[in-house]
Amino acid sequence: MDVDLIFKIAGVGIVVGAIHMVLTKFGKEEYAYLTTLVGVVIVLGVVINLVSKLFNNVKVLFRL
C-alpha cells in the first residue's frame, strides 16, 4: 500500500475537519454536516476502489 494514499485520506480528513469547525463557528451547522458527509463519501469512494482492486488481485492469484 502506498503511503501517499494514507496521506491523501488524512489530508481530506484535516480539510473537512477545519471546514466543519469554521462553519460551526459561523452557525451554519447544516452546511458543516453536509461538508462532513461529502468528505466521508470521498474517502469511501477511495476505499471501495482499493477493495475492488484487492478482489481482482485475489481472483487473478487463484485463477477464479
N, C-alpha and C. Protein backbone atom coordinates (compact mmCIF):
# COMPACT_ATOMS: atom_id res chain seq x y z
N MET A 1 0.86 -1.18 0.00
CA MET A 1 0.00 0.00 0.00
C MET A 1 0.90 1.24 0.00
N ASP A 2 0.49 2.19 -0.75
CA ASP A 2 1.26 3.42 -0.82
C ASP A 2 1.01 4.30 0.40
N VAL A 3 2.06 4.93 0.84
CA VAL A 3 1.93 5.86 1.95
C VAL A 3 1.20 7.12 1.49
N ASP A 4 1.31 7.42 0.20
CA ASP A 4 0.64 8.60 -0.35
C ASP A 4 -0.87 8.52 -0.14
N LEU A 5 -1.41 7.33 -0.27
CA LEU A 5 -2.84 7.15 -0.10
C LEU A 5 -3.27 7.49 1.34
N ILE A 6 -2.47 7.07 2.29
CA ILE A 6 -2.78 7.39 3.69
C ILE A 6 -2.73 8.89 3.91
N PHE A 7 -1.75 9.54 3.31
CA PHE A 7 -1.64 11.00 3.45
C PHE A 7 -2.81 11.71 2.77
N LYS A 8 -3.28 11.18 1.64
CA LYS A 8 -4.43 11.79 0.96
C LYS A 8 -5.68 11.68 1.82
N ILE A 9 -5.90 10.52 2.41
CA ILE A 9 -7.07 10.33 3.27
C ILE A 9 -6.97 11.23 4.50
N ALA A 10 -5.78 11.30 5.08
CA ALA A 10 -5.59 12.18 6.25
C ALA A 10 -5.77 13.64 5.86
N GLY A 11 -5.31 14.01 4.68
CA GLY A 11 -5.48 15.39 4.22
C GLY A 11 -6.94 15.75 4.04
N VAL A 12 -7.70 14.83 3.47
CA VAL A 12 -9.14 15.07 3.32
C VAL A 12 -9.78 15.23 4.69
N GLY A 13 -9.37 14.40 5.63
CA GLY A 13 -9.92 14.50 6.98
C GLY A 13 -9.60 15.82 7.66
N ILE A 14 -8.38 16.28 7.50
CA ILE A 14 -7.97 17.55 8.12
C ILE A 14 -8.72 18.72 7.49
N VAL A 15 -8.81 18.72 6.16
CA VAL A 15 -9.50 19.82 5.47
C VAL A 15 -10.98 19.83 5.84
N VAL A 16 -11.61 18.66 5.83
CA VAL A 16 -13.03 18.59 6.17
C VAL A 16 -13.26 18.99 7.63
N GLY A 17 -12.37 18.57 8.50
CA GLY A 17 -12.49 18.96 9.90
C GLY A 17 -12.37 20.45 10.11
N ALA A 18 -11.44 21.07 9.40
CA ALA A 18 -11.27 22.53 9.52
C ALA A 18 -12.49 23.27 8.98
N ILE A 19 -12.99 22.82 7.83
CA ILE A 19 -14.18 23.46 7.26
C ILE A 19 -15.38 23.27 8.19
N HIS A 20 -15.50 22.10 8.78
CA HIS A 20 -16.60 21.83 9.71
C HIS A 20 -16.54 22.77 10.91
N MET A 21 -15.36 22.95 11.46
CA MET A 21 -15.22 23.85 12.62
C MET A 21 -15.56 25.28 12.25
N VAL A 22 -15.09 25.75 11.09
CA VAL A 22 -15.35 27.13 10.68
C VAL A 22 -16.85 27.34 10.46
N LEU A 23 -17.48 26.40 9.77
CA LEU A 23 -18.91 26.55 9.53
C LEU A 23 -19.72 26.47 10.82
N THR A 24 -19.30 25.64 11.75
CA THR A 24 -19.99 25.55 13.03
C THR A 24 -19.86 26.86 13.81
N LYS A 25 -18.69 27.48 13.76
CA LYS A 25 -18.49 28.76 14.46
C LYS A 25 -19.38 29.86 13.90
N PHE A 26 -19.65 29.80 12.58
CA PHE A 26 -20.50 30.80 11.96
C PHE A 26 -21.98 30.48 12.07
N GLY A 27 -22.30 29.36 12.72
CA GLY A 27 -23.70 29.00 12.92
C GLY A 27 -24.34 28.28 11.75
N LYS A 28 -23.55 27.74 10.86
CA LYS A 28 -24.05 27.03 9.68
C LYS A 28 -23.88 25.52 9.89
N GLU A 29 -24.58 24.98 10.89
CA GLU A 29 -24.41 23.58 11.23
C GLU A 29 -24.84 22.64 10.10
N GLU A 30 -25.88 23.03 9.35
CA GLU A 30 -26.35 22.18 8.26
C GLU A 30 -25.27 22.01 7.20
N TYR A 31 -24.61 23.12 6.85
CA TYR A 31 -23.55 23.04 5.85
C TYR A 31 -22.33 22.30 6.41
N ALA A 32 -22.10 22.44 7.70
CA ALA A 32 -20.98 21.74 8.32
C ALA A 32 -21.18 20.23 8.24
N TYR A 33 -22.37 19.76 8.55
CA TYR A 33 -22.63 18.32 8.48
C TYR A 33 -22.63 17.84 7.03
N LEU A 34 -23.11 18.67 6.11
CA LEU A 34 -23.08 18.30 4.70
C LEU A 34 -21.65 18.17 4.21
N THR A 35 -20.79 19.07 4.64
CA THR A 35 -19.37 19.01 4.28
C THR A 35 -18.73 17.74 4.82
N THR A 36 -19.05 17.40 6.05
CA THR A 36 -18.52 16.18 6.64
C THR A 36 -19.00 14.95 5.87
N LEU A 37 -20.26 14.95 5.48
CA LEU A 37 -20.80 13.84 4.71
C LEU A 37 -20.11 13.71 3.36
N VAL A 38 -19.85 14.81 2.70
CA VAL A 38 -19.15 14.78 1.42
C VAL A 38 -17.73 14.23 1.61
N GLY A 39 -17.06 14.61 2.66
CA GLY A 39 -15.72 14.08 2.94
C GLY A 39 -15.74 12.58 3.17
N VAL A 40 -16.74 12.10 3.89
CA VAL A 40 -16.86 10.66 4.14
C VAL A 40 -17.12 9.92 2.83
N VAL A 41 -17.95 10.48 1.97
CA VAL A 41 -18.25 9.83 0.69
C VAL A 41 -17.00 9.78 -0.18
N ILE A 42 -16.21 10.81 -0.18
CA ILE A 42 -14.98 10.83 -0.97
C ILE A 42 -14.03 9.74 -0.49
N VAL A 43 -13.85 9.65 0.82
CA VAL A 43 -12.94 8.64 1.37
C VAL A 43 -13.49 7.23 1.13
N LEU A 44 -14.80 7.05 1.26
CA LEU A 44 -15.38 5.74 0.99
C LEU A 44 -15.20 5.34 -0.47
N GLY A 45 -15.28 6.31 -1.37
CA GLY A 45 -15.03 6.02 -2.77
C GLY A 45 -13.62 5.51 -3.01
N VAL A 46 -12.66 6.12 -2.35
CA VAL A 46 -11.27 5.68 -2.48
C VAL A 46 -11.11 4.28 -1.90
N VAL A 47 -11.70 4.03 -0.73
CA VAL A 47 -11.57 2.72 -0.09
C VAL A 47 -12.26 1.64 -0.91
N ILE A 48 -13.43 1.92 -1.46
CA ILE A 48 -14.14 0.94 -2.28
C ILE A 48 -13.32 0.61 -3.52
N ASN A 49 -12.66 1.59 -4.10
CA ASN A 49 -11.80 1.35 -5.25
C ASN A 49 -10.65 0.41 -4.86
N LEU A 50 -10.06 0.61 -3.71
CA LEU A 50 -8.98 -0.26 -3.26
C LEU A 50 -9.45 -1.68 -2.99
N VAL A 51 -10.62 -1.82 -2.39
CA VAL A 51 -11.16 -3.15 -2.12
C VAL A 51 -11.46 -3.87 -3.43
N SER A 52 -11.95 -3.14 -4.42
CA SER A 52 -12.20 -3.73 -5.73
C SER A 52 -10.91 -4.24 -6.35
N LYS A 53 -9.85 -3.45 -6.26
CA LYS A 53 -8.56 -3.90 -6.78
C LYS A 53 -8.06 -5.13 -6.03
N LEU A 54 -8.30 -5.17 -4.72
CA LEU A 54 -7.88 -6.33 -3.92
C LEU A 54 -8.59 -7.59 -4.39
N PHE A 55 -9.91 -7.51 -4.60
CA PHE A 55 -10.66 -8.68 -5.05
C PHE A 55 -10.21 -9.12 -6.44
N ASN A 56 -9.91 -8.16 -7.31
CA ASN A 56 -9.42 -8.52 -8.64
C ASN A 56 -8.07 -9.22 -8.54
N ASN A 57 -7.20 -8.76 -7.67
CA ASN A 57 -5.91 -9.41 -7.48
C ASN A 57 -6.06 -10.81 -6.93
N VAL A 58 -7.00 -11.01 -6.02
CA VAL A 58 -7.24 -12.34 -5.45
C VAL A 58 -7.78 -13.28 -6.53
N LYS A 59 -8.68 -12.77 -7.38
CA LYS A 59 -9.21 -13.58 -8.46
C LYS A 59 -8.11 -14.00 -9.42
N VAL A 60 -7.22 -13.09 -9.74
CA VAL A 60 -6.10 -13.41 -10.64
C VAL A 60 -5.15 -14.39 -9.98
N LEU A 61 -4.90 -14.21 -8.71
CA LEU A 61 -3.97 -15.08 -8.00
C LEU A 61 -4.46 -16.52 -7.95
N PHE A 62 -5.74 -16.71 -7.68
CA PHE A 62 -6.28 -18.05 -7.56
C PHE A 62 -6.95 -18.53 -8.86
N ARG A 63 -6.83 -17.74 -9.92
CA ARG A 63 -7.37 -18.08 -11.25
C ARG A 63 -8.85 -18.44 -11.19
N LEU A 64 -9.64 -17.56 -10.58
CA LEU A 64 -11.08 -17.80 -10.46
C LEU A 64 -11.83 -17.19 -11.62
